[in-house]
Amino acid sequence: MKKTAIFSIALATTLIFFMGLAIGAEKEIKFAYLGKPDPHKAAYTTGVVNFAHLMEKGSGGRLKVKIFPSGTLGKETDILQAVRSNAV
């Protein structure tokens, strides 16, 4: 019985979250990393570019991914602080 209740709560929370995304306007995801900006020179950057493409395509354009390579938003500690404050 407890498993069913926990599953129901988790399902309801997930549905509410995704309904909010569907109803809301276009949202922007900021993706910052310290790797090289050229996807032909760094495999990690290729993954980031593919992630951005899949998120935008899968959401039907409701989500936009803005990529910040090579520490353009600051050093690792600066980016971590921005993540904690929900800026990135």
PDB file of N, CA and C in Angstrom:
ATOM      1  N   MET A   1       0.809  -1.187   0.000  1.00  0.00           N
ATOM      2  CA  MET A   1       0.000   0.000   0.000  1.00  0.00           C
ATOM      3  C   MET A   1       0.860   1.262   0.000  1.00  0.00           C
ATOM      4  N   LYS A   2       1.954   1.253   0.771  1.00  0.00           N
ATOM      5  CA  LYS A   2       2.836   2.415   0.816  1.00  0.00           C
ATOM      6  C   LYS A   2       3.484   2.661  -0.537  1.00  0.00           C
ATOM      7  N   LYS A   3       3.872   1.576  -1.213  1.00  0.00           N
ATOM      8  CA  LYS A   3       4.505   1.726  -2.523  1.00  0.00           C
ATOM      9  C   LYS A   3       3.549   2.380  -3.513  1.00  0.00           C
ATOM     10  N   THR A   4       2.291   2.005  -3.471  1.00  0.00           N
ATOM     11  CA  THR A   4       1.301   2.572  -4.374  1.00  0.00           C
ATOM     12  C   THR A   4       1.103   4.055  -4.095  1.00  0.00           C
ATOM     13  N   ALA A   5       1.056   4.415  -2.818  1.00  0.00           N
ATOM     14  CA  ALA A   5       0.871   5.821  -2.459  1.00  0.00           C
ATOM     15  C   ALA A   5       2.069   6.658  -2.896  1.00  0.00           C
ATOM     16  N   ILE A   6       3.274   6.156  -2.665  1.00  0.00           N
ATOM     17  CA  ILE A   6       4.486   6.880  -3.061  1.00  0.00           C
ATOM     18  C   ILE A   6       4.543   7.013  -4.576  1.00  0.00           C
ATOM     19  N   PHE A   7       4.202   5.938  -5.282  1.00  0.00           N
ATOM     20  CA  PHE A   7       4.198   5.979  -6.745  1.00  0.00           C
ATOM     21  C   PHE A   7       3.183   6.996  -7.252  1.00  0.00           C
ATOM     22  N   SER A   8       1.998   7.028  -6.640  1.00  0.00           N
ATOM     23  CA  SER A   8       0.959   7.972  -7.055  1.00  0.00           C
ATOM     24  C   SER A   8       1.395   9.415  -6.843  1.00  0.00           C
ATOM     25  N   ILE A   9       2.027   9.691  -5.714  1.00  0.00           N
ATOM     26  CA  ILE A   9       2.509  11.040  -5.434  1.00  0.00           C
ATOM     27  C   ILE A   9       3.591  11.437  -6.430  1.00  0.00           C
ATOM     28  N   ALA A  10       4.534  10.519  -6.699  1.00  0.00           N
ATOM     29  CA  ALA A  10       5.604  10.802  -7.654  1.00  0.00           C
ATOM     30  C   ALA A  10       5.042  11.039  -9.053  1.00  0.00           C
ATOM     31  N   LEU A  11       4.068  10.243  -9.445  1.00  0.00           N
ATOM     32  CA  LEU A  11       3.445  10.397 -10.761  1.00  0.00           C
ATOM     33  C   LEU A  11       2.713  11.731 -10.868  1.00  0.00           C
ATOM     34  N   ALA A  12       1.967  12.091  -9.834  1.00  0.00           N
ATOM     35  CA  ALA A  12       1.239  13.358  -9.848  1.00  0.00           C
ATOM     36  C   ALA A  12       2.198  14.541  -9.916  1.00  0.00           C
ATOM     37  N   THR A  13       3.285  14.477  -9.149  1.00  0.00           N
ATOM     38  CA  THR A  13       4.270  15.556  -9.162  1.00  0.00           C
ATOM     39  C   THR A  13       4.904  15.698 -10.541  1.00  0.00           C
ATOM     40  N   THR A  14       5.249  14.586 -11.155  1.00  0.00           N
ATOM     41  CA  THR A  14       5.844  14.606 -12.489  1.00  0.00           C
ATOM     42  C   THR A  14       4.869  15.181 -13.521  1.00  0.00           C
ATOM     43  N   LEU A  15       3.613  14.760 -13.450  1.00  0.00           N
ATOM     44  CA  LEU A  15       2.618  15.267 -14.398  1.00  0.00           C
ATOM     45  C   LEU A  15       2.400  16.767 -14.233  1.00  0.00           C
ATOM     46  N   ILE A  16       2.348  17.237 -12.995  1.00  0.00           N
ATOM     47  CA  ILE A  16       2.174  18.662 -12.752  1.00  0.00           C
ATOM     48  C   ILE A  16       3.356  19.444 -13.320  1.00  0.00           C
ATOM     49  N   PHE A  17       4.581  18.901 -13.130  1.00  0.00           N
ATOM     50  CA  PHE A  17       5.772  19.562 -13.656  1.00  0.00           C
ATOM     51  C   PHE A  17       5.710  19.678 -15.171  1.00  0.00           C
ATOM     52  N   PHE A  18       5.395  18.575 -15.847  1.00  0.00           N
ATOM     53  CA  PHE A  18       5.381  18.603 -17.302  1.00  0.00           C
ATOM     54  C   PHE A  18       4.197  19.396 -17.849  1.00  0.00           C
ATOM     55  N   MET A  19       3.087  19.438 -17.132  1.00  0.00           N
ATOM     56  CA  MET A  19       1.972  20.272 -17.557  1.00  0.00           C
ATOM     57  C   MET A  19       2.358  21.740 -17.475  1.00  0.00           C
ATOM     58  N   GLY A  20       3.140  22.090 -16.450  1.00  0.00           N
ATOM     59  CA  GLY A  20       3.625  23.458 -16.323  1.00  0.00           C
ATOM     60  C   GLY A  20       4.517  23.833 -17.492  1.00  0.00           C
ATOM     61  N   LEU A  21       5.353  22.887 -17.947  1.00  0.00           N
ATOM     62  CA  LEU A  21       6.196  23.156 -19.108  1.00  0.00           C
ATOM     63  C   LEU A  21       5.349  23.315 -20.366  1.00  0.00           C
ATOM     64  N   ALA A  22       4.315  22.497 -20.489  1.00  0.00           N
ATOM     65  CA  ALA A  22       3.485  22.547 -21.682  1.00  0.00           C
ATOM     66  C   ALA A  22       2.662  23.825 -21.737  1.00  0.00           C
ATOM     67  N   ILE A  23       2.190  24.280 -20.596  1.00  0.00           N
ATOM     68  CA  ILE A  23       1.347  25.467 -20.557  1.00  0.00           C
ATOM     69  C   ILE A  23       2.175  26.739 -20.664  1.00  0.00           C
ATOM     70  N   GLY A  24       3.325  26.731 -20.020  1.00  0.00           N
ATOM     71  CA  GLY A  24       4.152  27.932 -19.955  1.00  0.00           C
ATOM     72  C   GLY A  24       4.722  28.341 -21.293  1.00  0.00           C
ATOM     73  N   ALA A  25       5.231  29.533 -21.313  1.00  0.00           N
ATOM     74  CA  ALA A  25       5.852  30.062 -22.519  1.00  0.00           C
ATOM     75  C   ALA A  25       7.233  29.429 -22.710  1.00  0.00           C
ATOM     76  N   GLU A  26       7.918  29.905 -23.704  1.00  0.00           N
ATOM     77  CA  GLU A  26       9.250  29.395 -24.014  1.00  0.00           C
ATOM     78  C   GLU A  26      10.199  29.579 -22.826  1.00  0.00           C
ATOM     79  N   LYS A  27      10.936  28.530 -22.505  1.00  0.00           N
ATOM     80  CA  LYS A  27      11.881  28.563 -21.391  1.00  0.00           C
ATOM     81  C   LYS A  27      13.300  28.438 -21.942  1.00  0.00           C
ATOM     82  N   GLU A  28      14.255  28.997 -21.208  1.00  0.00           N
ATOM     83  CA  GLU A  28      15.653  28.953 -21.633  1.00  0.00           C
ATOM     84  C   GLU A  28      16.482  28.195 -20.598  1.00  0.00           C
ATOM     85  N   ILE A  29      17.289  27.266 -21.084  1.00  0.00           N
ATOM     86  CA  ILE A  29      18.215  26.524 -20.241  1.00  0.00           C
ATOM     87  C   ILE A  29      19.612  27.041 -20.545  1.00  0.00           C
ATOM     88  N   LYS A  30      20.346  27.429 -19.522  1.00  0.00           N
ATOM     89  CA  LYS A  30      21.724  27.887 -19.700  1.00  0.00           C
ATOM     90  C   LYS A  30      22.652  26.733 -19.351  1.00  0.00           C
ATOM     91  N   PHE A  31      23.500  26.343 -20.296  1.00  0.00           N
ATOM     92  CA  PHE A  31      24.424  25.224 -20.120  1.00  0.00           C
ATOM     93  C   PHE A  31      25.844  25.777 -20.180  1.00  0.00           C
ATOM     94  N   ALA A  32      26.494  25.858 -19.025  1.00  0.00           N
ATOM     95  CA  ALA A  32      27.861  26.396 -18.954  1.00  0.00           C
ATOM     96  C   ALA A  32      28.834  25.261 -18.663  1.00  0.00           C
ATOM     97  N   TYR A  33      29.979  25.291 -19.335  1.00  0.00           N
ATOM     98  CA  TYR A  33      31.028  24.304 -19.080  1.00  0.00           C
ATOM     99  C   TYR A  33      32.374  24.908 -19.432  1.00  0.00           C
ATOM    100  N   LEU A  34      33.432  24.227 -19.028  1.00  0.00           N
ATOM    101  CA  LEU A  34      34.781  24.772 -19.191  1.00  0.00           C
ATOM    102  C   LEU A  34      35.527  24.193 -20.393  1.00  0.00           C
ATOM    103  N   GLY A  35      34.871  23.365 -21.180  1.00  0.00           N
ATOM    104  CA  GLY A  35      35.524  22.724 -22.311  1.00  0.00           C
ATOM    105  C   GLY A  35      35.701  23.641 -23.506  1.00  0.00           C
ATOM    106  N   LYS A  36      36.350  23.110 -24.530  1.00  0.00           N
ATOM    107  CA  LYS A  36      36.597  23.857 -25.761  1.00  0.00           C
ATOM    108  C   LYS A  36      35.282  24.100 -26.502  1.00  0.00           C
ATOM    109  N   PRO A  37      35.150  25.236 -27.186  1.00  0.00           N
ATOM    110  CA  PRO A  37      33.896  25.542 -27.867  1.00  0.00           C
ATOM    111  C   PRO A  37      33.702  24.811 -29.193  1.00  0.00           C
ATOM    112  N   ASP A  38      34.755  24.273 -29.773  1.00  0.00           N
ATOM    113  CA  ASP A  38      34.655  23.611 -31.079  1.00  0.00           C
ATOM    114  C   ASP A  38      34.265  22.149 -30.911  1.00  0.00           C
ATOM    115  N   PRO A  39      33.083  21.733 -31.425  1.00  0.00           N
ATOM    116  CA  PRO A  39      32.664  20.342 -31.262  1.00  0.00           C
ATOM    117  C   PRO A  39      33.534  19.336 -32.018  1.00  0.00           C
ATOM    118  N   HIS A  40      34.323  19.815 -32.983  1.00  0.00           N
ATOM    119  CA  HIS A  40      35.194  18.907 -33.736  1.00  0.00           C
ATOM    120  C   HIS A  40      36.487  18.594 -32.980  1.00  0.00           C
ATOM    121  N   LYS A  41      36.775  19.368 -31.934  1.00  0.00           N
ATOM    122  CA  LYS A  41      38.007  19.155 -31.173  1.00  0.00           C
ATOM    123  C   LYS A  41      37.762  18.545 -29.798  1.00  0.00           C
ATOM    124  N   ALA A  42      36.533  18.556 -29.313  1.00  0.00           N
ATOM    125  CA  ALA A  42      36.245  18.029 -27.984  1.00  0.00           C
ATOM    126  C   ALA A  42      34.947  17.223 -28.019  1.00  0.00           C
ATOM    127  N   ALA A  43      35.038  15.970 -27.596  1.00  0.00           N
ATOM    128  CA  ALA A  43      33.862  15.095 -27.595  1.00  0.00           C
ATOM    129  C   ALA A  43      32.784  15.618 -26.646  1.00  0.00           C
ATOM    130  N   TYR A  44      33.183  16.211 -25.530  1.00  0.00           N
ATOM    131  CA  TYR A  44      32.213  16.733 -24.572  1.00  0.00           C
ATOM    132  C   TYR A  44      31.353  17.822 -25.210  1.00  0.00           C
ATOM    133  N   THR A  45      31.973  18.672 -26.008  1.00  0.00           N
ATOM    134  CA  THR A  45      31.241  19.749 -26.672  1.00  0.00           C
ATOM    135  C   THR A  45      30.248  19.181 -27.684  1.00  0.00           C
ATOM    136  N   THR A  46      30.623  18.115 -28.359  1.00  0.00           N
ATOM    137  CA  THR A  46      29.709  17.451 -29.283  1.00  0.00           C
ATOM    138  C   THR A  46      28.478  16.973 -28.538  1.00  0.00           C
ATOM    139  N   GLY A  47      28.669  16.409 -27.344  1.00  0.00           N
ATOM    140  CA  GLY A  47      27.548  15.968 -26.523  1.00  0.00           C
ATOM    141  C   GLY A  47      26.661  17.116 -26.093  1.00  0.00           C
ATOM    142  N   VAL A  48      27.261  18.232 -25.745  1.00  0.00           N
ATOM    143  CA  VAL A  48      26.498  19.410 -25.328  1.00  0.00           C
ATOM    144  C   VAL A  48      25.658  19.932 -26.498  1.00  0.00           C
ATOM    145  N   VAL A  49      26.242  20.007 -27.659  1.00  0.00           N
ATOM    146  CA  VAL A  49      25.526  20.489 -28.841  1.00  0.00           C
ATOM    147  C   VAL A  49      24.368  19.536 -29.179  1.00  0.00           C
ATOM    148  N   ASN A  50      24.616  18.230 -29.096  1.00  0.00           N
ATOM    149  CA  ASN A  50      23.556  17.260 -29.357  1.00  0.00           C
ATOM    150  C   ASN A  50      22.451  17.349 -28.309  1.00  0.00           C
ATOM    151  N   PHE A  51      22.819  17.540 -27.037  1.00  0.00           N
ATOM    152  CA  PHE A  51      21.836  17.720 -25.977  1.00  0.00           C
ATOM    153  C   PHE A  51      20.942  18.914 -26.286  1.00  0.00           C
ATOM    154  N   ALA A  52      21.545  20.027 -26.664  1.00  0.00           N
ATOM    155  CA  ALA A  52      20.780  21.234 -26.975  1.00  0.00           C
ATOM    156  C   ALA A  52      19.815  20.980 -28.129  1.00  0.00           C
ATOM    157  N   HIS A  53      20.305  20.315 -29.155  1.00  0.00           N
ATOM    158  CA  HIS A  53      19.466  20.025 -30.319  1.00  0.00           C
ATOM    159  C   HIS A  53      18.293  19.127 -29.937  1.00  0.00           C
ATOM    160  N   LEU A  54      18.551  18.063 -29.184  1.00  0.00           N
ATOM    161  CA  LEU A  54      17.493  17.124 -28.797  1.00  0.00           C
ATOM    162  C   LEU A  54      16.465  17.775 -27.871  1.00  0.00           C
ATOM    163  N   MET A  55      16.914  18.626 -26.959  1.00  0.00           N
ATOM    164  CA  MET A  55      15.985  19.296 -26.054  1.00  0.00           C
ATOM    165  C   MET A  55      15.067  20.255 -26.820  1.00  0.00           C
ATOM    166  N   GLU A  56      15.637  21.001 -27.749  1.00  0.00           N
ATOM    167  CA  GLU A  56      14.836  21.942 -28.517  1.00  0.00           C
ATOM    168  C   GLU A  56      13.872  21.218 -29.454  1.00  0.00           C
ATOM    169  N   LYS A  57      14.352  20.152 -30.080  1.00  0.00           N
ATOM    170  CA  LYS A  57      13.508  19.389 -30.991  1.00  0.00           C
ATOM    171  C   LYS A  57      12.423  18.638 -30.234  1.00  0.00           C
ATOM    172  N   GLY A  58      12.797  17.997 -29.120  1.00  0.00           N
ATOM    173  CA  GLY A  58      11.845  17.203 -28.350  1.00  0.00           C
ATOM    174  C   GLY A  58      10.763  18.028 -27.671  1.00  0.00           C
ATOM    175  N   SER A  59      11.052  19.272 -27.367  1.00  0.00           N
ATOM    176  CA  SER A  59      10.068  20.124 -26.695  1.00  0.00           C
ATOM    177  C   SER A  59       9.211  20.910 -27.687  1.00  0.00           C
ATOM    178  N   GLY A  60       9.482  20.739 -28.943  1.00  0.00           N
ATOM    179  CA  GLY A  60       8.718  21.466 -29.946  1.00  0.00           C
ATOM    180  C   GLY A  60       9.007  22.955 -29.949  1.00  0.00           C
ATOM    181  N   GLY A  61      10.210  23.317 -29.501  1.00  0.00           N
ATOM    182  CA  GLY A  61      10.598  24.722 -29.494  1.00  0.00           C
ATOM    183  C   GLY A  61      10.259  25.461 -28.211  1.00  0.00           C
ATOM    184  N   ARG A  62       9.639  24.779 -27.237  1.00  0.00           N
ATOM    185  CA  ARG A  62       9.303  25.437 -25.967  1.00  0.00           C
ATOM    186  C   ARG A  62      10.537  25.642 -25.101  1.00  0.00           C
ATOM    187  N   LEU A  63      11.549  24.801 -25.292  1.00  0.00           N
ATOM    188  CA  LEU A  63      12.797  24.932 -24.540  1.00  0.00           C
ATOM    189  C   LEU A  63      13.903  25.370 -25.481  1.00  0.00           C
ATOM    190  N   LYS A  64      14.667  26.345 -25.055  1.00  0.00           N
ATOM    191  CA  LYS A  64      15.836  26.801 -25.804  1.00  0.00           C
ATOM    192  C   LYS A  64      17.052  26.582 -24.912  1.00  0.00           C
ATOM    193  N   VAL A  65      18.104  25.999 -25.463  1.00  0.00           N
ATOM    194  CA  VAL A  65      19.332  25.754 -24.711  1.00  0.00           C
ATOM    195  C   VAL A  65      20.392  26.728 -25.197  1.00  0.00           C
ATOM    196  N   LYS A  66      20.892  27.539 -24.277  1.00  0.00           N
ATOM    197  CA  LYS A  66      21.938  28.497 -24.586  1.00  0.00           C
ATOM    198  C   LYS A  66      23.238  27.941 -24.015  1.00  0.00           C
ATOM    199  N   ILE A  67      24.257  27.768 -24.868  1.00  0.00           N
ATOM    200  CA  ILE A  67      25.512  27.132 -24.479  1.00  0.00           C
ATOM    201  C   ILE A  67      26.573  28.202 -24.202  1.00  0.00           C
ATOM    202  N   PHE A  68      27.263  28.031 -23.062  1.00  0.00           N
ATOM    203  CA  PHE A  68      28.343  28.934 -22.669  1.00  0.00           C
ATOM    204  C   PHE A  68      29.620  28.114 -22.485  1.00  0.00           C
ATOM    205  N   PRO A  69      30.448  27.962 -23.538  1.00  0.00           N
ATOM    206  CA  PRO A  69      31.667  27.151 -23.435  1.00  0.00           C
ATOM    207  C   PRO A  69      32.856  27.936 -22.899  1.00  0.00           C
ATOM    208  N   SER A  70      33.913  27.242 -22.623  1.00  0.00           N
ATOM    209  CA  SER A  70      35.224  27.808 -22.273  1.00  0.00           C
ATOM    210  C   SER A  70      35.208  28.764 -21.089  1.00  0.00           C
ATOM    211  N   GLY A  71      34.330  28.531 -20.161  1.00  0.00           N
ATOM    212  CA  GLY A  71      34.308  29.387 -18.979  1.00  0.00           C
ATOM    213  C   GLY A  71      33.875  30.809 -19.239  1.00  0.00           C
ATOM    214  N   THR A  72      33.016  31.032 -20.222  1.00  0.00           N
ATOM    215  CA  THR A  72      32.582  32.393 -20.525  1.00  0.00           C
ATOM    216  C   THR A  72      31.761  33.003 -19.392  1.00  0.00           C
ATOM    217  N   LEU A  73      31.193  32.165 -18.528  1.00  0.00           N
ATOM    218  CA  LEU A  73      30.447  32.673 -17.379  1.00  0.00           C
ATOM    219  C   LEU A  73      31.304  32.742 -16.124  1.00  0.00           C
ATOM    220  N   GLY A  74      32.581  32.444 -16.260  1.00  0.00           N
ATOM    221  CA  GLY A  74      33.481  32.518 -15.113  1.00  0.00           C
ATOM    222  C   GLY A  74      34.200  31.206 -14.870  1.00  0.00           C
ATOM    223  N   LYS A  75      34.939  31.188 -13.765  1.00  0.00           N
ATOM    224  CA  LYS A  75      35.674  29.991 -13.376  1.00  0.00           C
ATOM    225  C   LYS A  75      34.702  28.958 -12.816  1.00  0.00           C
ATOM    226  N   GLU A  76      35.248  27.788 -12.510  1.00  0.00           N
ATOM    227  CA  GLU A  76      34.417  26.693 -12.006  1.00  0.00           C
ATOM    228  C   GLU A  76      33.653  27.095 -10.750  1.00  0.00           C
ATOM    229  N   THR A  77      34.289  27.811  -9.847  1.00  0.00           N
ATOM    230  CA  THR A  77      33.615  28.236  -8.618  1.00  0.00           C
ATOM    231  C   THR A  77      32.501  29.245  -8.913  1.00  0.00           C
ATOM    232  N   ASP A  78      32.708  30.111  -9.899  1.00  0.00           N
ATOM    233  CA  ASP A  78      31.679  31.072 -10.283  1.00  0.00           C
ATOM    234  C   ASP A  78      30.458  30.360 -10.864  1.00  0.00           C
ATOM    235  N   ILE A  79      30.703  29.369 -11.702  1.00  0.00           N
ATOM    236  CA  ILE A  79      29.607  28.611 -12.312  1.00  0.00           C
ATOM    237  C   ILE A  79      28.847  27.837 -11.243  1.00  0.00           C
ATOM    238  N   LEU A  80      29.567  27.241 -10.302  1.00  0.00           N
ATOM    239  CA  LEU A  80      28.923  26.501  -9.224  1.00  0.00           C
ATOM    240  C   LEU A  80      28.031  27.424  -8.394  1.00  0.00           C
ATOM    241  N   GLN A  81      28.507  28.611  -8.104  1.00  0.00           N
ATOM    242  CA  GLN A  81      27.699  29.579  -7.361  1.00  0.00           C
ATOM    243  C   GLN A  81      26.462  29.979  -8.160  1.00  0.00           C
ATOM    244  N   ALA A  82      26.596  30.133  -9.475  1.00  0.00           N
ATOM    245  CA  ALA A  82      25.452  30.477 -10.334  1.00  0.00           C
ATOM    246  C   ALA A  82      24.429  29.350 -10.360  1.00  0.00           C
ATOM    247  N   VAL A  83      24.895  28.097 -10.336  1.00  0.00           N
ATOM    248  CA  VAL A  83      23.988  26.957 -10.279  1.00  0.00           C
ATOM    249  C   VAL A  83      23.219  26.957  -8.964  1.00  0.00           C
ATOM    250  N   ARG A  84      23.913  27.233  -7.883  1.00  0.00           N
ATOM    251  CA  ARG A  84      23.264  27.252  -6.565  1.00  0.00           C
ATOM    252  C   ARG A  84      22.204  28.360  -6.484  1.00  0.00           C
ATOM    253  N   SER A  85      22.427  29.467  -7.166  1.00  0.00           N
ATOM    254  CA  SER A  85      21.460  30.559  -7.118  1.00  0.00           C
ATOM    255  C   SER A  85      20.426  30.459  -8.247  1.00  0.00           C
ATOM    256  N   ASN A  86      20.457  29.352  -8.985  1.00  0.00           N
ATOM    257  CA  ASN A  86      19.500  29.052 -10.057  1.00  0.00           C
ATOM    258  C   ASN A  86      19.625  30.004 -11.244  1.00  0.00           C
ATOM    259  N   ALA A  87      20.805  30.542 -11.474  1.00  0.00           N
ATOM    260  CA  ALA A  87      21.035  31.400 -12.628  1.00  0.00           C
ATOM    261  C   ALA A  87      21.478  30.581 -13.836  1.00  0.00           C
ATOM    262  N   VAL A  88      22.128  29.462 -13.574  1.00  0.00           N
ATOM    263  CA  VAL A  88      22.574  28.558 -14.649  1.00  0.00           C
ATOM    264  C   VAL A  88      21.975  27.194 -14.379  1.00  0.00           C
TER     265      VAL A  88
END
